[in-house]
Amino acid sequence: MSFALPAFWKRHKPLLLAFVLAVATTGFFAVKLVIATVYWSDPAHRDQHIEGWMTPGYIAHSWNVPPEVIGTELGLQPGGTPKRITLDDIARERGVAVDTLIQQIEAAIAASRGRN
């Protein structure tokens, strides 16, 4: 019994399309996983100096603290703010200097690490 792709395609088109879609989706998430693993495994990305371009989630990941520590300090509601909002954006919205936010975040991180 030989396998012929054209015959399989004629009889099982939806099944083959679903399989190709599943393989492509799996490949996409596998690549994302590898990229994230390589990025966060680099020691240069741990305890990184906080800057205005960073998002609260990025800071929490870099400093290995729960995201709630950063969100609470910045007064962000879970699900209430855009996921990719940066410190620059938050400072501009509030009319404060980015350095002020950075000092508040650093204090919150120090307090969080002191509790652990």
PDB file of N, CA and C in Angstrom:
ATOM      1  N   MET A   1       0.856  -1.180   0.000  1.00  0.00           N
ATOM      2  CA  MET A   1       0.000   0.000   0.000  1.00  0.00           C
ATOM      3  C   MET A   1       0.895   1.233   0.000  1.00  0.00           C
ATOM      4  N   SER A   2       0.772   2.051  -0.976  1.00  0.00           N
ATOM      5  CA  SER A   2       1.599   3.249  -1.064  1.00  0.00           C
ATOM      6  C   SER A   2       0.771   4.468  -0.673  1.00  0.00           C
ATOM      7  N   PHE A   3       1.473   5.465  -0.180  1.00  0.00           N
ATOM      8  CA  PHE A   3       0.826   6.704   0.241  1.00  0.00           C
ATOM      9  C   PHE A   3       0.938   7.729  -0.880  1.00  0.00           C
ATOM     10  N   ALA A   4      -0.175   8.237  -1.318  1.00  0.00           N
ATOM     11  CA  ALA A   4      -0.177   9.241  -2.383  1.00  0.00           C
ATOM     12  C   ALA A   4      -0.844  10.507  -1.846  1.00  0.00           C
ATOM     13  N   LEU A   5      -0.077  11.561  -1.758  1.00  0.00           N
ATOM     14  CA  LEU A   5      -0.593  12.822  -1.215  1.00  0.00           C
ATOM     15  C   LEU A   5      -1.759  13.368  -2.028  1.00  0.00           C
ATOM     16  N   PRO A   6      -1.716  13.336  -3.365  1.00  0.00           N
ATOM     17  CA  PRO A   6      -2.876  13.851  -4.116  1.00  0.00           C
ATOM     18  C   PRO A   6      -4.180  13.111  -3.793  1.00  0.00           C
ATOM     19  N   ALA A   7      -4.098  11.800  -3.622  1.00  0.00           N
ATOM     20  CA  ALA A   7      -5.306  11.040  -3.297  1.00  0.00           C
ATOM     21  C   ALA A   7      -5.783  11.376  -1.883  1.00  0.00           C
ATOM     22  N   PHE A   8      -4.852  11.508  -0.962  1.00  0.00           N
ATOM     23  CA  PHE A   8      -5.198  11.883   0.411  1.00  0.00           C
ATOM     24  C   PHE A   8      -5.831  13.273   0.426  1.00  0.00           C
ATOM     25  N   TRP A   9      -5.286  14.192  -0.350  1.00  0.00           N
ATOM     26  CA  TRP A   9      -5.787  15.557  -0.431  1.00  0.00           C
ATOM     27  C   TRP A   9      -7.235  15.561  -0.949  1.00  0.00           C
ATOM     28  N   LYS A  10      -7.517  14.735  -1.945  1.00  0.00           N
ATOM     29  CA  LYS A  10      -8.870  14.698  -2.500  1.00  0.00           C
ATOM     30  C   LYS A  10      -9.885  14.189  -1.490  1.00  0.00           C
ATOM     31  N   ARG A  11      -9.511  13.153  -0.745  1.00  0.00           N
ATOM     32  CA  ARG A  11     -10.461  12.512   0.174  1.00  0.00           C
ATOM     33  C   ARG A  11     -10.539  13.190   1.541  1.00  0.00           C
ATOM     34  N   HIS A  12      -9.444  13.788   1.997  1.00  0.00           N
ATOM     35  CA  HIS A  12      -9.382  14.291   3.375  1.00  0.00           C
ATOM     36  C   HIS A  12      -8.865  15.731   3.445  1.00  0.00           C
ATOM     37  N   LYS A  13      -9.363  16.570   2.583  1.00  0.00           N
ATOM     38  CA  LYS A  13      -8.897  17.960   2.524  1.00  0.00           C
ATOM     39  C   LYS A  13      -9.038  18.677   3.879  1.00  0.00           C
ATOM     40  N   PRO A  14     -10.192  18.652   4.541  1.00  0.00           N
ATOM     41  CA  PRO A  14     -10.312  19.352   5.833  1.00  0.00           C
ATOM     42  C   PRO A  14      -9.346  18.798   6.892  1.00  0.00           C
ATOM     43  N   LEU A  15      -9.170  17.489   6.898  1.00  0.00           N
ATOM     44  CA  LEU A  15      -8.266  16.879   7.864  1.00  0.00           C
ATOM     45  C   LEU A  15      -6.820  17.315   7.623  1.00  0.00           C
ATOM     46  N   LEU A  16      -6.402  17.336   6.378  1.00  0.00           N
ATOM     47  CA  LEU A  16      -5.038  17.749   6.045  1.00  0.00           C
ATOM     48  C   LEU A  16      -4.824  19.230   6.356  1.00  0.00           C
ATOM     49  N   LEU A  17      -5.807  20.066   6.058  1.00  0.00           N
ATOM     50  CA  LEU A  17      -5.706  21.494   6.381  1.00  0.00           C
ATOM     51  C   LEU A  17      -5.621  21.712   7.898  1.00  0.00           C
ATOM     52  N   ALA A  18      -6.424  20.976   8.647  1.00  0.00           N
ATOM     53  CA  ALA A  18      -6.378  21.085  10.108  1.00  0.00           C
ATOM     54  C   ALA A  18      -5.017  20.647  10.645  1.00  0.00           C
ATOM     55  N   PHE A  19      -4.461  19.590  10.075  1.00  0.00           N
ATOM     56  CA  PHE A  19      -3.152  19.110  10.499  1.00  0.00           C
ATOM     57  C   PHE A  19      -2.068  20.152  10.208  1.00  0.00           C
ATOM     58  N   VAL A  20      -2.088  20.732   9.018  1.00  0.00           N
ATOM     59  CA  VAL A  20      -1.100  21.755   8.656  1.00  0.00           C
ATOM     60  C   VAL A  20      -1.244  22.964   9.584  1.00  0.00           C
ATOM     61  N   LEU A  21      -2.468  23.367   9.878  1.00  0.00           N
ATOM     62  CA  LEU A  21      -2.697  24.483  10.793  1.00  0.00           C
ATOM     63  C   LEU A  21      -2.166  24.159  12.191  1.00  0.00           C
ATOM     64  N   ALA A  22      -2.395  22.954  12.658  1.00  0.00           N
ATOM     65  CA  ALA A  22      -1.907  22.549  13.981  1.00  0.00           C
ATOM     66  C   ALA A  22      -0.383  22.540  14.028  1.00  0.00           C
ATOM     67  N   VAL A  23       0.256  22.049  12.980  1.00  0.00           N
ATOM     68  CA  VAL A  23       1.723  22.032  12.927  1.00  0.00           C
ATOM     69  C   VAL A  23       2.274  23.459  12.896  1.00  0.00           C
ATOM     70  N   ALA A  24       1.644  24.337  12.106  1.00  0.00           N
ATOM     71  CA  ALA A  24       2.101  25.729  12.019  1.00  0.00           C
ATOM     72  C   ALA A  24       1.935  26.443  13.358  1.00  0.00           C
ATOM     73  N   THR A  25       0.818  26.222  14.033  1.00  0.00           N
ATOM     74  CA  THR A  25       0.583  26.847  15.337  1.00  0.00           C
ATOM     75  C   THR A  25       1.589  26.334  16.366  1.00  0.00           C
ATOM     76  N   THR A  26       1.827  25.051  16.376  1.00  0.00           N
ATOM     77  CA  THR A  26       2.809  24.470  17.289  1.00  0.00           C
ATOM     78  C   THR A  26       4.194  25.039  17.016  1.00  0.00           C
ATOM     79  N   GLY A  27       4.555  25.153  15.753  1.00  0.00           N
ATOM     80  CA  GLY A  27       5.853  25.727  15.387  1.00  0.00           C
ATOM     81  C   GLY A  27       5.990  27.165  15.842  1.00  0.00           C
ATOM     82  N   PHE A  28       4.922  27.953  15.672  1.00  0.00           N
ATOM     83  CA  PHE A  28       4.937  29.353  16.093  1.00  0.00           C
ATOM     84  C   PHE A  28       5.220  29.471  17.589  1.00  0.00           C
ATOM     85  N   PHE A  29       4.474  28.707  18.397  1.00  0.00           N
ATOM     86  CA  PHE A  29       4.660  28.801  19.840  1.00  0.00           C
ATOM     87  C   PHE A  29       5.983  28.194  20.293  1.00  0.00           C
ATOM     88  N   ALA A  30       6.474  27.217  19.585  1.00  0.00           N
ATOM     89  CA  ALA A  30       7.790  26.656  19.910  1.00  0.00           C
ATOM     90  C   ALA A  30       8.886  27.689  19.670  1.00  0.00           C
ATOM     91  N   VAL A  31       8.789  28.425  18.576  1.00  0.00           N
ATOM     92  CA  VAL A  31       9.774  29.478  18.287  1.00  0.00           C
ATOM     93  C   VAL A  31       9.693  30.578  19.343  1.00  0.00           C
ATOM     94  N   LYS A  32       8.470  30.984  19.722  1.00  0.00           N
ATOM     95  CA  LYS A  32       8.312  32.001  20.764  1.00  0.00           C
ATOM     96  C   LYS A  32       8.940  31.539  22.083  1.00  0.00           C
ATOM     97  N   LEU A  33       8.743  30.267  22.430  1.00  0.00           N
ATOM     98  CA  LEU A  33       9.305  29.723  23.657  1.00  0.00           C
ATOM     99  C   LEU A  33      10.827  29.754  23.627  1.00  0.00           C
ATOM    100  N   VAL A  34      11.404  29.344  22.524  1.00  0.00           N
ATOM    101  CA  VAL A  34      12.869  29.335  22.405  1.00  0.00           C
ATOM    102  C   VAL A  34      13.417  30.751  22.500  1.00  0.00           C
ATOM    103  N   ILE A  35      12.796  31.694  21.806  1.00  0.00           N
ATOM    104  CA  ILE A  35      13.271  33.083  21.841  1.00  0.00           C
ATOM    105  C   ILE A  35      13.194  33.638  23.255  1.00  0.00           C
ATOM    106  N   ALA A  36      12.069  33.441  23.945  1.00  0.00           N
ATOM    107  CA  ALA A  36      11.925  33.943  25.314  1.00  0.00           C
ATOM    108  C   ALA A  36      12.920  33.276  26.258  1.00  0.00           C
ATOM    109  N   THR A  37      13.130  31.993  26.100  1.00  0.00           N
ATOM    110  CA  THR A  37      14.070  31.275  26.963  1.00  0.00           C
ATOM    111  C   THR A  37      15.485  31.783  26.775  1.00  0.00           C
ATOM    112  N   VAL A  38      15.885  31.965  25.542  1.00  0.00           N
ATOM    113  CA  VAL A  38      17.233  32.479  25.269  1.00  0.00           C
ATOM    114  C   VAL A  38      17.371  33.902  25.803  1.00  0.00           C
ATOM    115  N   TYR A  39      16.358  34.741  25.572  1.00  0.00           N
ATOM    116  CA  TYR A  39      16.418  36.142  26.011  1.00  0.00           C
ATOM    117  C   TYR A  39      16.548  36.242  27.532  1.00  0.00           C
ATOM    118  N   TRP A  40      15.661  35.561  28.264  1.00  0.00           N
ATOM    119  CA  TRP A  40      15.652  35.696  29.722  1.00  0.00           C
ATOM    120  C   TRP A  40      16.747  34.871  30.395  1.00  0.00           C
ATOM    121  N   SER A  41      17.411  33.982  29.674  1.00  0.00           N
ATOM    122  CA  SER A  41      18.537  33.241  30.234  1.00  0.00           C
ATOM    123  C   SER A  41      19.807  34.081  30.258  1.00  0.00           C
ATOM    124  N   ASP A  42      19.837  35.138  29.482  1.00  0.00           N
ATOM    125  CA  ASP A  42      20.996  36.027  29.433  1.00  0.00           C
ATOM    126  C   ASP A  42      21.050  36.834  30.729  1.00  0.00           C
ATOM    127  N   PRO A  43      22.139  36.741  31.491  1.00  0.00           N
ATOM    128  CA  PRO A  43      22.241  37.483  32.753  1.00  0.00           C
ATOM    129  C   PRO A  43      22.123  39.000  32.588  1.00  0.00           C
ATOM    130  N   ALA A  44      22.385  39.507  31.396  1.00  0.00           N
ATOM    131  CA  ALA A  44      22.274  40.947  31.167  1.00  0.00           C
ATOM    132  C   ALA A  44      20.832  41.440  31.274  1.00  0.00           C
ATOM    133  N   HIS A  45      19.857  40.535  31.200  1.00  0.00           N
ATOM    134  CA  HIS A  45      18.456  40.938  31.276  1.00  0.00           C
ATOM    135  C   HIS A  45      17.873  40.764  32.674  1.00  0.00           C
ATOM    136  N   ARG A  46      18.675  40.336  33.609  1.00  0.00           N
ATOM    137  CA  ARG A  46      18.210  40.192  34.991  1.00  0.00           C
ATOM    138  C   ARG A  46      18.633  41.412  35.790  1.00  0.00           C
ATOM    139  N   ASP A  47      17.743  41.903  36.636  1.00  0.00           N
ATOM    140  CA  ASP A  47      17.986  43.090  37.463  1.00  0.00           C
ATOM    141  C   ASP A  47      18.516  44.241  36.600  1.00  0.00           C
ATOM    142  N   GLN A  48      17.893  44.423  35.471  1.00  0.00           N
ATOM    143  CA  GLN A  48      18.289  45.446  34.517  1.00  0.00           C
ATOM    144  C   GLN A  48      17.937  46.834  35.054  1.00  0.00           C
ATOM    145  N   HIS A  49      18.804  47.810  34.800  1.00  0.00           N
ATOM    146  CA  HIS A  49      18.552  49.184  35.222  1.00  0.00           C
ATOM    147  C   HIS A  49      17.212  49.630  34.641  1.00  0.00           C
ATOM    148  N   ILE A  50      16.345  50.144  35.470  1.00  0.00           N
ATOM    149  CA  ILE A  50      14.993  50.514  35.043  1.00  0.00           C
ATOM    150  C   ILE A  50      15.055  51.793  34.213  1.00  0.00           C
ATOM    151  N   GLU A  51      14.385  51.742  33.056  1.00  0.00           N
ATOM    152  CA  GLU A  51      14.347  52.878  32.137  1.00  0.00           C
ATOM    153  C   GLU A  51      12.924  53.132  31.683  1.00  0.00           C
ATOM    154  N   GLY A  52      12.713  54.285  31.090  1.00  0.00           N
ATOM    155  CA  GLY A  52      11.377  54.706  30.684  1.00  0.00           C
ATOM    156  C   GLY A  52      10.720  53.854  29.616  1.00  0.00           C
ATOM    157  N   TRP A  53      11.488  53.183  28.773  1.00  0.00           N
ATOM    158  CA  TRP A  53      10.911  52.367  27.703  1.00  0.00           C
ATOM    159  C   TRP A  53      10.335  51.054  28.202  1.00  0.00           C
ATOM    160  N   MET A  54      10.634  50.695  29.428  1.00  0.00           N
ATOM    161  CA  MET A  54      10.207  49.391  29.956  1.00  0.00           C
ATOM    162  C   MET A  54       8.732  49.405  30.357  1.00  0.00           C
ATOM    163  N   THR A  55       8.112  48.247  30.210  1.00  0.00           N
ATOM    164  CA  THR A  55       6.737  48.070  30.682  1.00  0.00           C
ATOM    165  C   THR A  55       6.787  47.533  32.107  1.00  0.00           C
ATOM    166  N   PRO A  56       5.712  47.704  32.883  1.00  0.00           N
ATOM    167  CA  PRO A  56       5.703  47.142  34.238  1.00  0.00           C
ATOM    168  C   PRO A  56       5.934  45.630  34.243  1.00  0.00           C
ATOM    169  N   GLY A  57       5.391  44.921  33.276  1.00  0.00           N
ATOM    170  CA  GLY A  57       5.591  43.472  33.202  1.00  0.00           C
ATOM    171  C   GLY A  57       7.039  43.096  32.937  1.00  0.00           C
ATOM    172  N   TYR A  58       7.692  43.865  32.084  1.00  0.00           N
ATOM    173  CA  TYR A  58       9.103  43.616  31.785  1.00  0.00           C
ATOM    174  C   TYR A  58       9.947  43.821  33.043  1.00  0.00           C
ATOM    175  N   ILE A  59       9.658  44.885  33.766  1.00  0.00           N
ATOM    176  CA  ILE A  59      10.405  45.167  35.002  1.00  0.00           C
ATOM    177  C   ILE A  59      10.200  44.041  36.009  1.00  0.00           C
ATOM    178  N   ALA A  60       8.956  43.606  36.176  1.00  0.00           N
ATOM    179  CA  ALA A  60       8.663  42.519  37.120  1.00  0.00           C
ATOM    180  C   ALA A  60       9.407  41.250  36.721  1.00  0.00           C
ATOM    181  N   HIS A  61       9.452  40.953  35.439  1.00  0.00           N
ATOM    182  CA  HIS A  61      10.146  39.749  34.984  1.00  0.00           C
ATOM    183  C   HIS A  61      11.655  39.882  35.182  1.00  0.00           C
ATOM    184  N   SER A  62      12.190  41.037  34.839  1.00  0.00           N
ATOM    185  CA  SER A  62      13.631  41.248  34.961  1.00  0.00           C
ATOM    186  C   SER A  62      14.091  41.178  36.416  1.00  0.00           C
ATOM    187  N   TRP A  63      13.293  41.749  37.308  1.00  0.00           N
ATOM    188  CA  TRP A  63      13.675  41.800  38.721  1.00  0.00           C
ATOM    189  C   TRP A  63      13.124  40.618  39.517  1.00  0.00           C
ATOM    190  N   ASN A  64      12.417  39.716  38.858  1.00  0.00           N
ATOM    191  CA  ASN A  64      11.895  38.509  39.489  1.00  0.00           C
ATOM    192  C   ASN A  64      11.026  38.822  40.715  1.00  0.00           C
ATOM    193  N   VAL A  65      10.095  39.731  40.510  1.00  0.00           N
ATOM    194  CA  VAL A  65       9.112  40.045  41.546  1.00  0.00           C
ATOM    195  C   VAL A  65       7.727  39.831  40.939  1.00  0.00           C
ATOM    196  N   PRO A  66       6.718  39.579  41.773  1.00  0.00           N
ATOM    197  CA  PRO A  66       5.368  39.418  41.227  1.00  0.00           C
ATOM    198  C   PRO A  66       4.929  40.700  40.510  1.00  0.00           C
ATOM    199  N   PRO A  67       4.235  40.589  39.389  1.00  0.00           N
ATOM    200  CA  PRO A  67       3.780  41.783  38.664  1.00  0.00           C
ATOM    201  C   PRO A  67       2.916  42.707  39.522  1.00  0.00           C
ATOM    202  N   GLU A  68       2.247  42.136  40.509  1.00  0.00           N
ATOM    203  CA  GLU A  68       1.390  42.944  41.375  1.00  0.00           C
ATOM    204  C   GLU A  68       2.197  43.981  42.162  1.00  0.00           C
ATOM    205  N   VAL A  69       3.456  43.668  42.469  1.00  0.00           N
ATOM    206  CA  VAL A  69       4.305  44.612  43.205  1.00  0.00           C
ATOM    207  C   VAL A  69       4.470  45.895  42.397  1.00  0.00           C
ATOM    208  N   ILE A  70       4.769  45.747  41.132  1.00  0.00           N
ATOM    209  CA  ILE A  70       4.970  46.911  40.264  1.00  0.00           C
ATOM    210  C   ILE A  70       3.633  47.584  39.984  1.00  0.00           C
ATOM    211  N   GLY A  71       2.617  46.789  39.660  1.00  0.00           N
ATOM    212  CA  GLY A  71       1.299  47.348  39.349  1.00  0.00           C
ATOM    213  C   GLY A  71       0.701  48.115  40.504  1.00  0.00           C
ATOM    214  N   THR A  72       0.817  47.574  41.708  1.00  0.00           N
ATOM    215  CA  THR A  72       0.286  48.255  42.885  1.00  0.00           C
ATOM    216  C   THR A  72       1.021  49.571  43.124  1.00  0.00           C
ATOM    217  N   GLU A  73       2.331  49.551  42.982  1.00  0.00           N
ATOM    218  CA  GLU A  73       3.113  50.764  43.200  1.00  0.00           C
ATOM    219  C   GLU A  73       2.747  51.851  42.199  1.00  0.00           C
ATOM    220  N   LEU A  74       2.436  51.455  40.972  1.00  0.00           N
ATOM    221  CA  LEU A  74       2.079  52.426  39.941  1.00  0.00           C
ATOM    222  C   LEU A  74       0.587  52.747  39.931  1.00  0.00           C
ATOM    223  N   GLY A  75      -0.186  52.058  40.782  1.00  0.00           N
ATOM    224  CA  GLY A  75      -1.625  52.294  40.841  1.00  0.00           C
ATOM    225  C   GLY A  75      -2.368  51.758  39.630  1.00  0.00           C
ATOM    226  N   LEU A  76      -1.851  50.686  39.035  1.00  0.00           N
ATOM    227  CA  LEU A  76      -2.481  50.098  37.855  1.00  0.00           C
ATOM    228  C   LEU A  76      -3.470  49.031  38.279  1.00  0.00           C
ATOM    229  N   GLN A  77      -4.619  49.017  37.631  1.00  0.00           N
ATOM    230  CA  GLN A  77      -5.634  48.011  37.896  1.00  0.00           C
ATOM    231  C   GLN A  77      -5.412  46.821  36.967  1.00  0.00           C
ATOM    232  N   PRO A  78      -5.496  45.601  37.469  1.00  0.00           N
ATOM    233  CA  PRO A  78      -5.355  44.434  36.581  1.00  0.00           C
ATOM    234  C   PRO A  78      -6.410  44.469  35.478  1.00  0.00           C
ATOM    235  N   GLY A  79      -5.951  44.418  34.248  1.00  0.00           N
ATOM    236  CA  GLY A  79      -6.857  44.455  33.107  1.00  0.00           C
ATOM    237  C   GLY A  79      -7.375  45.840  32.776  1.00  0.00           C
ATOM    238  N   GLY A  80      -7.016  46.840  33.571  1.00  0.00           N
ATOM    239  CA  GLY A  80      -7.522  48.187  33.343  1.00  0.00           C
ATOM    240  C   GLY A  80      -6.611  49.060  32.514  1.00  0.00           C
ATOM    241  N   THR A  81      -5.391  48.632  32.289  1.00  0.00           N
ATOM    242  CA  THR A  81      -4.447  49.420  31.507  1.00  0.00           C
ATOM    243  C   THR A  81      -3.943  48.590  30.341  1.00  0.00           C
ATOM    244  N   PRO A  82      -3.512  49.253  29.289  1.00  0.00           N
ATOM    245  CA  PRO A  82      -2.963  48.502  28.158  1.00  0.00           C
ATOM    246  C   PRO A  82      -1.758  47.671  28.579  1.00  0.00           C
ATOM    247  N   LYS A  83      -1.619  46.496  27.999  1.00  0.00           N
ATOM    248  CA  LYS A  83      -0.557  45.580  28.392  1.00  0.00           C
ATOM    249  C   LYS A  83       0.830  46.126  28.079  1.00  0.00           C
ATOM    250  N   ARG A  84       0.965  46.895  27.024  1.00  0.00           N
ATOM    251  CA  ARG A  84       2.273  47.376  26.586  1.00  0.00           C
ATOM    252  C   ARG A  84       2.537  48.829  26.967  1.00  0.00           C
ATOM    253  N   ILE A  85       1.906  49.333  28.002  1.00  0.00           N
ATOM    254  CA  ILE A  85       2.133  50.715  28.419  1.00  0.00           C
ATOM    255  C   ILE A  85       3.512  50.818  29.072  1.00  0.00           C
ATOM    256  N   THR A  86       4.261  51.829  28.699  1.00  0.00           N
ATOM    257  CA  THR A  86       5.618  52.006  29.217  1.00  0.00           C
ATOM    258  C   THR A  86       5.619  52.996  30.376  1.00  0.00           C
ATOM    259  N   LEU A  87       6.741  53.052  31.080  1.00  0.00           N
ATOM    260  CA  LEU A  87       6.869  54.029  32.163  1.00  0.00           C
ATOM    261  C   LEU A  87       6.788  55.449  31.614  1.00  0.00           C
ATOM    262  N   ASP A  88       7.347  55.679  30.429  1.00  0.00           N
ATOM    263  CA  ASP A  88       7.243  56.997  29.795  1.00  0.00           C
ATOM    264  C   ASP A  88       5.779  57.388  29.601  1.00  0.00           C
ATOM    265  N   ASP A  89       4.957  56.446  29.129  1.00  0.00           N
ATOM    266  CA  ASP A  89       3.537  56.711  28.907  1.00  0.00           C
ATOM    267  C   ASP A  89       2.824  57.016  30.224  1.00  0.00           C
ATOM    268  N   ILE A  90       3.124  56.231  31.245  1.00  0.00           N
ATOM    269  CA  ILE A  90       2.485  56.427  32.552  1.00  0.00           C
ATOM    270  C   ILE A  90       2.874  57.785  33.122  1.00  0.00           C
ATOM    271  N   ALA A  91       4.155  58.135  33.030  1.00  0.00           N
ATOM    272  CA  ALA A  91       4.627  59.425  33.549  1.00  0.00           C
ATOM    273  C   ALA A  91       3.962  60.582  32.806  1.00  0.00           C
ATOM    274  N   ARG A  92       3.853  60.455  31.490  1.00  0.00           N
ATOM    275  CA  ARG A  92       3.229  61.512  30.686  1.00  0.00           C
ATOM    276  C   ARG A  92       1.755  61.675  31.062  1.00  0.00           C
ATOM    277  N   GLU A  93       1.045  60.565  31.254  1.00  0.00           N
ATOM    278  CA  GLU A  93      -0.370  60.622  31.637  1.00  0.00           C
ATOM    279  C   GLU A  93      -0.560  61.299  32.988  1.00  0.00           C
ATOM    280  N   ARG A  94       0.351  61.050  33.908  1.00  0.00           N
ATOM    281  CA  ARG A  94       0.225  61.576  35.272  1.00  0.00           C
ATOM    282  C   ARG A  94       0.899  62.925  35.461  1.00  0.00           C
ATOM    283  N   GLY A  95       1.690  63.331  34.496  1.00  0.00           N
ATOM    284  CA  GLY A  95       2.378  64.612  34.603  1.00  0.00           C
ATOM    285  C   GLY A  95       3.498  64.610  35.628  1.00  0.00           C
ATOM    286  N   VAL A  96       4.169  63.474  35.774  1.00  0.00           N
ATOM    287  CA  VAL A  96       5.305  63.370  36.700  1.00  0.00           C
ATOM    288  C   VAL A  96       6.543  62.953  35.916  1.00  0.00           C
ATOM    289  N   ALA A  97       7.684  63.101  36.543  1.00  0.00           N
ATOM    290  CA  ALA A  97       8.935  62.707  35.896  1.00  0.00           C
ATOM    291  C   ALA A  97       9.087  61.186  35.947  1.00  0.00           C
ATOM    292  N   VAL A  98       9.694  60.642  34.916  1.00  0.00           N
ATOM    293  CA  VAL A  98       9.942  59.203  34.861  1.00  0.00           C
ATOM    294  C   VAL A  98      10.836  58.783  36.023  1.00  0.00           C
ATOM    295  N   ASP A  99      11.790  59.626  36.362  1.00  0.00           N
ATOM    296  CA  ASP A  99      12.691  59.303  37.478  1.00  0.00           C
ATOM    297  C   ASP A  99      11.928  59.104  38.786  1.00  0.00           C
ATOM    298  N   THR A 100      10.858  59.847  38.975  1.00  0.00           N
ATOM    299  CA  THR A 100      10.030  59.680  40.179  1.00  0.00           C
ATOM    300  C   THR A 100       9.411  58.289  40.202  1.00  0.00           C
ATOM    301  N   LEU A 101       8.860  57.855  39.063  1.00  0.00           N
ATOM    302  CA  LEU A 101       8.278  56.510  38.984  1.00  0.00           C
ATOM    303  C   LEU A 101       9.341  55.442  39.212  1.00  0.00           C
ATOM    304  N   ILE A 102      10.514  55.651  38.635  1.00  0.00           N
ATOM    305  CA  ILE A 102      11.595  54.669  38.788  1.00  0.00           C
ATOM    306  C   ILE A 102      11.990  54.539  40.250  1.00  0.00           C
ATOM    307  N   GLN A 103      12.089  55.654  40.964  1.00  0.00           N
ATOM    308  CA  GLN A 103      12.430  55.601  42.393  1.00  0.00           C
ATOM    309  C   GLN A 103      11.363  54.858  43.181  1.00  0.00           C
ATOM    310  N   GLN A 104      10.085  55.093  42.849  1.00  0.00           N
ATOM    311  CA  GLN A 104       8.996  54.393  43.539  1.00  0.00           C
ATOM    312  C   GLN A 104       9.078  52.885  43.274  1.00  0.00           C
ATOM    313  N   ILE A 105       9.343  52.525  42.033  1.00  0.00           N
ATOM    314  CA  ILE A 105       9.431  51.104  41.679  1.00  0.00           C
ATOM    315  C   ILE A 105      10.614  50.443  42.373  1.00  0.00           C
ATOM    316  N   GLU A 106      11.757  51.111  42.383  1.00  0.00           N
ATOM    317  CA  GLU A 106      12.940  50.546  43.050  1.00  0.00           C
ATOM    318  C   GLU A 106      12.676  50.336  44.536  1.00  0.00           C
ATOM    319  N   ALA A 107      11.980  51.271  45.177  1.00  0.00           N
ATOM    320  CA  ALA A 107      11.632  51.126  46.600  1.00  0.00           C
ATOM    321  C   ALA A 107      10.694  49.939  46.792  1.00  0.00           C
ATOM    322  N   ALA A 108       9.713  49.780  45.899  1.00  0.00           N
ATOM    323  CA  ALA A 108       8.772  48.674  46.015  1.00  0.00           C
ATOM    324  C   ALA A 108       9.485  47.331  45.819  1.00  0.00           C
ATOM    325  N   ILE A 109      10.415  47.281  44.879  1.00  0.00           N
ATOM    326  CA  ILE A 109      11.167  46.048  44.650  1.00  0.00           C
ATOM    327  C   ILE A 109      12.007  45.704  45.876  1.00  0.00           C
ATOM    328  N   ALA A 110      12.682  46.708  46.441  1.00  0.00           N
ATOM    329  CA  ALA A 110      13.492  46.484  47.634  1.00  0.00           C
ATOM    330  C   ALA A 110      12.628  45.984  48.794  1.00  0.00           C
ATOM    331  N   ALA A 111      11.458  46.595  48.965  1.00  0.00           N
ATOM    332  CA  ALA A 111      10.554  46.164  50.044  1.00  0.00           C
ATOM    333  C   ALA A 111      10.067  44.733  49.790  1.00  0.00           C
ATOM    334  N   SER A 112       9.754  44.413  48.540  1.00  0.00           N
ATOM    335  CA  SER A 112       9.265  43.079  48.214  1.00  0.00           C
ATOM    336  C   SER A 112      10.340  42.032  48.455  1.00  0.00           C
ATOM    337  N   ARG A 113      11.554  42.337  48.055  1.00  0.00           N
ATOM    338  CA  ARG A 113      12.658  41.399  48.265  1.00  0.00           C
ATOM    339  C   ARG A 113      13.022  41.281  49.729  1.00  0.00           C
ATOM    340  N   GLY A 114      12.800  42.347  50.487  1.00  0.00           N
ATOM    341  CA  GLY A 114      13.098  42.315  51.923  1.00  0.00           C
ATOM    342  C   GLY A 114      12.126  41.424  52.681  1.00  0.00           C
ATOM    343  N   ARG A 115      10.893  41.320  52.163  1.00  0.00           N
ATOM    344  CA  ARG A 115       9.880  40.468  52.801  1.00  0.00           C
ATOM    345  C   ARG A 115      10.155  38.994  52.531  1.00  0.00           C
ATOM    346  N   ASN A 116      10.814  38.697  51.433  1.00  0.00           N
ATOM    347  CA  ASN A 116      11.025  37.289  51.045  1.00  0.00           C
ATOM    348  C   ASN A 116      12.239  36.714  51.665  1.00  0.00           C
TER     349      ASN A 116
END
